Amino acid sequence: MISLTENAATKVKAMLAERESPTEGLRVGVKGGGCSGFTYFLEFAEGANKGDRELDSHGVKLFVDSKSYLYLMGTQVDFVDGLAGSGFKFENPNARRTCGCGESFSV
């Protein structure tokens, strides 16, 4: 399962409410790149693509492609807001190594 914390879900819901275009949920995934091999990405989604897994976390629909799901199983996405900045943070139990910025990982 891939999930959002309550803080992350609250932030996503607020962002979805501000969008002018129809948006059904949030696409969560990984792609090749970054200093450790893979990078995380989040983007708004109008709906599911063929082969996506559809999940619900605190009332937010998440769409995850099958390849990304393998790397993200058990991951929790949080939203942090502090003096050093704010943003989404991935807690991925499958990551064996991460970079200093926390945006890329290897398995």
N, C-alpha and C. Protein backbone atom coordinates (compact mmCIF):
# COMPACT_ATOMS: atom_id res chain seq x y z
N MET A 1 0.84 -1.19 0.00
CA MET A 1 0.00 0.00 0.00
C MET A 1 0.88 1.24 0.00
N ILE A 2 0.44 2.24 -0.67
CA ILE A 2 1.07 3.55 -0.68
C ILE A 2 0.08 4.50 -0.03
N SER A 3 0.56 5.33 0.90
CA SER A 3 -0.38 6.16 1.63
C SER A 3 0.15 7.58 1.82
N LEU A 4 -0.78 8.45 2.14
CA LEU A 4 -0.47 9.82 2.52
C LEU A 4 -0.68 9.95 4.02
N THR A 5 0.11 10.80 4.66
CA THR A 5 -0.20 11.14 6.05
C THR A 5 -1.39 12.08 6.03
N GLU A 6 -1.97 12.33 7.18
CA GLU A 6 -3.09 13.27 7.25
C GLU A 6 -2.66 14.66 6.79
N ASN A 7 -1.44 15.08 7.15
CA ASN A 7 -0.93 16.39 6.72
C ASN A 7 -0.83 16.46 5.20
N ALA A 8 -0.31 15.41 4.58
CA ALA A 8 -0.16 15.39 3.12
C ALA A 8 -1.53 15.39 2.45
N ALA A 9 -2.47 14.59 2.98
CA ALA A 9 -3.81 14.54 2.39
C ALA A 9 -4.50 15.89 2.48
N THR A 10 -4.36 16.57 3.60
CA THR A 10 -4.95 17.90 3.77
C THR A 10 -4.38 18.87 2.74
N LYS A 11 -3.07 18.83 2.54
CA LYS A 11 -2.42 19.72 1.57
C LYS A 11 -2.88 19.40 0.15
N VAL A 12 -2.94 18.12 -0.20
CA VAL A 12 -3.36 17.72 -1.55
C VAL A 12 -4.80 18.14 -1.79
N LYS A 13 -5.68 17.93 -0.82
CA LYS A 13 -7.08 18.34 -0.98
C LYS A 13 -7.19 19.84 -1.22
N ALA A 14 -6.41 20.64 -0.50
CA ALA A 14 -6.42 22.09 -0.68
C ALA A 14 -5.93 22.45 -2.08
N MET A 15 -4.88 21.78 -2.54
CA MET A 15 -4.35 22.05 -3.88
C MET A 15 -5.34 21.63 -4.96
N LEU A 16 -6.02 20.50 -4.77
CA LEU A 16 -7.01 20.05 -5.74
C LEU A 16 -8.18 21.03 -5.82
N ALA A 17 -8.57 21.59 -4.69
CA ALA A 17 -9.69 22.54 -4.66
C ALA A 17 -9.36 23.82 -5.42
N GLU A 18 -8.09 24.18 -5.49
CA GLU A 18 -7.66 25.41 -6.16
C GLU A 18 -7.52 25.25 -7.67
N ARG A 19 -7.47 24.01 -8.16
CA ARG A 19 -7.26 23.77 -9.59
C ARG A 19 -8.49 24.13 -10.40
N GLU A 20 -8.25 24.71 -11.58
CA GLU A 20 -9.34 25.06 -12.47
C GLU A 20 -9.73 23.90 -13.38
N SER A 21 -8.76 23.07 -13.75
CA SER A 21 -9.06 21.95 -14.63
C SER A 21 -9.53 20.76 -13.81
N PRO A 22 -10.34 19.90 -14.42
CA PRO A 22 -10.85 18.73 -13.68
C PRO A 22 -9.72 17.80 -13.26
N THR A 23 -9.67 17.50 -11.99
CA THR A 23 -8.62 16.66 -11.45
C THR A 23 -9.25 15.67 -10.49
N GLU A 24 -9.00 14.40 -10.73
CA GLU A 24 -9.62 13.37 -9.90
C GLU A 24 -8.75 12.98 -8.71
N GLY A 25 -7.44 13.14 -8.85
CA GLY A 25 -6.55 12.73 -7.77
C GLY A 25 -5.11 13.06 -8.05
N LEU A 26 -4.23 12.25 -7.49
CA LEU A 26 -2.80 12.48 -7.54
C LEU A 26 -2.09 11.26 -8.10
N ARG A 27 -1.23 11.48 -9.09
CA ARG A 27 -0.41 10.40 -9.64
C ARG A 27 0.90 10.38 -8.85
N VAL A 28 1.24 9.21 -8.34
CA VAL A 28 2.46 9.02 -7.56
C VAL A 28 3.32 8.02 -8.33
N GLY A 29 4.61 8.33 -8.51
CA GLY A 29 5.43 7.40 -9.27
C GLY A 29 6.91 7.63 -9.12
N VAL A 30 7.66 6.83 -9.85
CA VAL A 30 9.11 6.97 -9.92
C VAL A 30 9.51 6.98 -11.39
N LYS A 31 10.64 7.60 -11.66
CA LYS A 31 11.22 7.57 -12.98
C LYS A 31 12.73 7.52 -12.84
N GLY A 32 13.40 7.07 -13.87
CA GLY A 32 14.85 6.99 -13.83
C GLY A 32 15.46 8.37 -13.78
N GLY A 33 16.55 8.50 -13.03
CA GLY A 33 17.25 9.77 -12.94
C GLY A 33 17.67 10.08 -11.53
N GLY A 34 18.19 11.27 -11.35
CA GLY A 34 18.66 11.68 -10.03
C GLY A 34 20.01 11.08 -9.71
N CYS A 35 20.60 11.48 -8.63
CA CYS A 35 21.95 11.03 -8.30
C CYS A 35 21.98 9.62 -7.73
N SER A 36 20.82 9.05 -7.38
CA SER A 36 20.81 7.70 -6.81
C SER A 36 20.15 6.66 -7.71
N GLY A 37 19.62 7.05 -8.86
CA GLY A 37 19.06 6.09 -9.79
C GLY A 37 17.60 6.31 -10.15
N PHE A 38 16.76 6.60 -9.16
CA PHE A 38 15.34 6.85 -9.38
C PHE A 38 14.94 8.14 -8.68
N THR A 39 13.97 8.85 -9.25
CA THR A 39 13.42 10.02 -8.59
C THR A 39 11.91 9.83 -8.41
N TYR A 40 11.40 10.40 -7.35
CA TYR A 40 9.97 10.38 -7.08
C TYR A 40 9.30 11.49 -7.87
N PHE A 41 8.03 11.28 -8.21
CA PHE A 41 7.26 12.38 -8.76
C PHE A 41 5.82 12.31 -8.29
N LEU A 42 5.23 13.48 -8.20
CA LEU A 42 3.81 13.66 -7.88
C LEU A 42 3.25 14.59 -8.95
N GLU A 43 2.07 14.27 -9.46
CA GLU A 43 1.42 15.17 -10.40
C GLU A 43 -0.08 14.99 -10.31
N PHE A 44 -0.81 16.00 -10.69
CA PHE A 44 -2.25 15.91 -10.68
C PHE A 44 -2.69 14.97 -11.80
N ALA A 45 -3.77 14.24 -11.56
CA ALA A 45 -4.26 13.27 -12.54
C ALA A 45 -5.75 13.48 -12.77
N GLU A 46 -6.13 13.46 -14.06
CA GLU A 46 -7.54 13.56 -14.41
C GLU A 46 -8.26 12.25 -14.17
N GLY A 47 -7.51 11.16 -14.08
CA GLY A 47 -8.08 9.85 -13.86
C GLY A 47 -7.01 8.80 -14.04
N ALA A 48 -7.43 7.55 -14.00
CA ALA A 48 -6.50 6.43 -14.11
C ALA A 48 -6.09 6.20 -15.56
N ASN A 49 -4.86 5.78 -15.75
CA ASN A 49 -4.37 5.30 -17.03
C ASN A 49 -4.52 3.78 -17.05
N LYS A 50 -4.47 3.21 -18.22
CA LYS A 50 -4.57 1.75 -18.33
C LYS A 50 -3.45 1.10 -17.52
N GLY A 51 -3.80 0.14 -16.68
CA GLY A 51 -2.83 -0.57 -15.87
C GLY A 51 -2.52 0.07 -14.52
N ASP A 52 -3.06 1.25 -14.26
CA ASP A 52 -2.82 1.91 -12.97
C ASP A 52 -3.50 1.16 -11.83
N ARG A 53 -2.89 1.26 -10.68
CA ARG A 53 -3.55 0.84 -9.44
C ARG A 53 -4.18 2.10 -8.87
N GLU A 54 -5.41 1.97 -8.44
CA GLU A 54 -6.12 3.09 -7.82
C GLU A 54 -6.21 2.82 -6.33
N LEU A 55 -5.73 3.77 -5.55
CA LEU A 55 -5.72 3.66 -4.09
C LEU A 55 -6.44 4.87 -3.51
N ASP A 56 -6.86 4.74 -2.27
CA ASP A 56 -7.46 5.87 -1.57
C ASP A 56 -6.73 6.03 -0.25
N SER A 57 -6.33 7.25 0.03
CA SER A 57 -5.65 7.53 1.29
C SER A 57 -6.22 8.81 1.88
N HIS A 58 -6.89 8.70 2.99
CA HIS A 58 -7.51 9.84 3.67
C HIS A 58 -8.40 10.63 2.73
N GLY A 59 -9.12 9.94 1.85
CA GLY A 59 -10.04 10.60 0.94
C GLY A 59 -9.43 11.16 -0.32
N VAL A 60 -8.15 10.89 -0.57
CA VAL A 60 -7.48 11.34 -1.79
C VAL A 60 -7.23 10.12 -2.67
N LYS A 61 -7.65 10.21 -3.94
CA LYS A 61 -7.38 9.13 -4.88
C LYS A 61 -5.94 9.22 -5.35
N LEU A 62 -5.26 8.08 -5.28
CA LEU A 62 -3.88 7.97 -5.77
C LEU A 62 -3.87 7.02 -6.95
N PHE A 63 -3.13 7.38 -7.99
CA PHE A 63 -2.98 6.55 -9.18
C PHE A 63 -1.50 6.21 -9.32
N VAL A 64 -1.20 4.92 -9.42
CA VAL A 64 0.19 4.47 -9.46
C VAL A 64 0.33 3.45 -10.59
N ASP A 65 1.28 3.69 -11.50
CA ASP A 65 1.51 2.70 -12.56
C ASP A 65 2.16 1.46 -11.96
N SER A 66 2.03 0.34 -12.65
CA SER A 66 2.46 -0.94 -12.08
C SER A 66 3.97 -0.99 -11.81
N LYS A 67 4.79 -0.38 -12.64
CA LYS A 67 6.24 -0.38 -12.40
C LYS A 67 6.58 0.42 -11.14
N SER A 68 6.00 1.60 -11.02
CA SER A 68 6.27 2.43 -9.84
C SER A 68 5.78 1.75 -8.57
N TYR A 69 4.64 1.05 -8.67
CA TYR A 69 4.08 0.39 -7.50
C TYR A 69 5.08 -0.57 -6.88
N LEU A 70 5.84 -1.28 -7.71
CA LEU A 70 6.84 -2.23 -7.19
C LEU A 70 7.88 -1.54 -6.32
N TYR A 71 8.28 -0.33 -6.71
CA TYR A 71 9.31 0.41 -5.97
C TYR A 71 8.73 1.18 -4.78
N LEU A 72 7.42 1.43 -4.81
CA LEU A 72 6.81 2.28 -3.79
C LEU A 72 5.96 1.54 -2.76
N MET A 73 5.84 0.22 -2.86
CA MET A 73 5.02 -0.52 -1.89
C MET A 73 5.49 -0.21 -0.47
N GLY A 74 4.54 0.18 0.37
CA GLY A 74 4.85 0.50 1.76
C GLY A 74 5.27 1.94 1.99
N THR A 75 5.33 2.75 0.94
CA THR A 75 5.78 4.13 1.06
C THR A 75 4.69 5.02 1.64
N GLN A 76 5.12 5.92 2.50
CA GLN A 76 4.21 6.93 3.04
C GLN A 76 4.72 8.30 2.60
N VAL A 77 3.81 9.11 2.10
CA VAL A 77 4.14 10.47 1.66
C VAL A 77 3.62 11.44 2.70
N ASP A 78 4.51 12.30 3.18
CA ASP A 78 4.16 13.29 4.19
C ASP A 78 4.32 14.68 3.58
N PHE A 79 3.71 15.66 4.20
CA PHE A 79 3.94 17.05 3.83
C PHE A 79 4.54 17.74 5.03
N VAL A 80 5.72 18.32 4.84
CA VAL A 80 6.41 19.01 5.94
C VAL A 80 6.47 20.50 5.62
N ASP A 81 6.33 21.30 6.65
CA ASP A 81 6.37 22.75 6.51
C ASP A 81 7.21 23.28 7.65
N GLY A 82 8.42 23.74 7.32
CA GLY A 82 9.32 24.21 8.37
C GLY A 82 10.15 25.39 7.91
N LEU A 83 11.06 25.79 8.76
CA LEU A 83 11.92 26.94 8.47
C LEU A 83 12.81 26.70 7.25
N ALA A 84 13.21 25.46 7.05
CA ALA A 84 14.10 25.13 5.93
C ALA A 84 13.34 24.96 4.63
N GLY A 85 12.02 25.05 4.66
CA GLY A 85 11.23 24.91 3.45
C GLY A 85 10.06 23.96 3.67
N SER A 86 9.25 23.84 2.65
CA SER A 86 8.11 22.95 2.75
C SER A 86 8.03 22.10 1.49
N GLY A 87 7.41 20.95 1.63
CA GLY A 87 7.24 20.07 0.50
C GLY A 87 6.85 18.67 0.92
N PHE A 88 6.68 17.82 -0.08
CA PHE A 88 6.31 16.44 0.17
C PHE A 88 7.56 15.60 0.40
N LYS A 89 7.48 14.71 1.37
CA LYS A 89 8.61 13.87 1.76
C LYS A 89 8.18 12.41 1.66
N PHE A 90 8.99 11.60 1.00
CA PHE A 90 8.71 10.18 0.82
C PHE A 90 9.47 9.36 1.85
N GLU A 91 8.76 8.50 2.55
CA GLU A 91 9.36 7.53 3.48
C GLU A 91 9.19 6.16 2.81
N ASN A 92 10.23 5.72 2.12
CA ASN A 92 10.16 4.51 1.31
C ASN A 92 10.98 3.40 1.97
N PRO A 93 10.34 2.34 2.48
CA PRO A 93 11.07 1.26 3.12
C PRO A 93 11.90 0.42 2.13
N ASN A 94 11.66 0.58 0.83
CA ASN A 94 12.39 -0.18 -0.18
C ASN A 94 13.70 0.49 -0.59
N ALA A 95 13.87 1.76 -0.25
CA ALA A 95 15.07 2.50 -0.65
C ALA A 95 16.28 2.01 0.15
N ARG A 96 17.29 1.60 -0.54
CA ARG A 96 18.53 1.15 0.11
C ARG A 96 19.50 2.31 0.29
N ARG A 97 19.37 3.29 -0.59
CA ARG A 97 20.26 4.45 -0.52
C ARG A 97 19.47 5.64 -1.04
N THR A 98 19.62 6.78 -0.40
CA THR A 98 18.99 8.01 -0.85
C THR A 98 20.04 9.11 -0.98
N CYS A 99 19.71 10.11 -1.76
CA CYS A 99 20.64 11.23 -1.88
C CYS A 99 20.36 12.25 -0.77
N GLY A 100 21.19 13.23 -0.65
CA GLY A 100 21.06 14.23 0.41
C GLY A 100 19.78 15.04 0.32
N CYS A 101 19.27 15.25 -0.89
CA CYS A 101 18.07 16.07 -1.04
C CYS A 101 16.80 15.26 -0.76
N GLY A 102 16.90 13.94 -0.73
CA GLY A 102 15.74 13.09 -0.45
C GLY A 102 14.82 12.89 -1.62
N GLU A 103 15.22 13.35 -2.80
CA GLU A 103 14.35 13.24 -3.97
C GLU A 103 14.72 12.08 -4.88
N SER A 104 15.83 11.42 -4.62
CA SER A 104 16.19 10.26 -5.43
C SER A 104 16.64 9.12 -4.52
N PHE A 105 16.56 7.90 -5.07
CA PHE A 105 16.87 6.72 -4.27
C PHE A 105 17.31 5.57 -5.17
N SER A 106 17.86 4.54 -4.55
CA SER A 106 18.17 3.31 -5.26
C SER A 106 17.62 2.15 -4.45
N VAL A 107 17.40 1.02 -5.13
CA VAL A 107 16.86 -0.16 -4.46
C VAL A 107 17.84 -1.30 -4.56
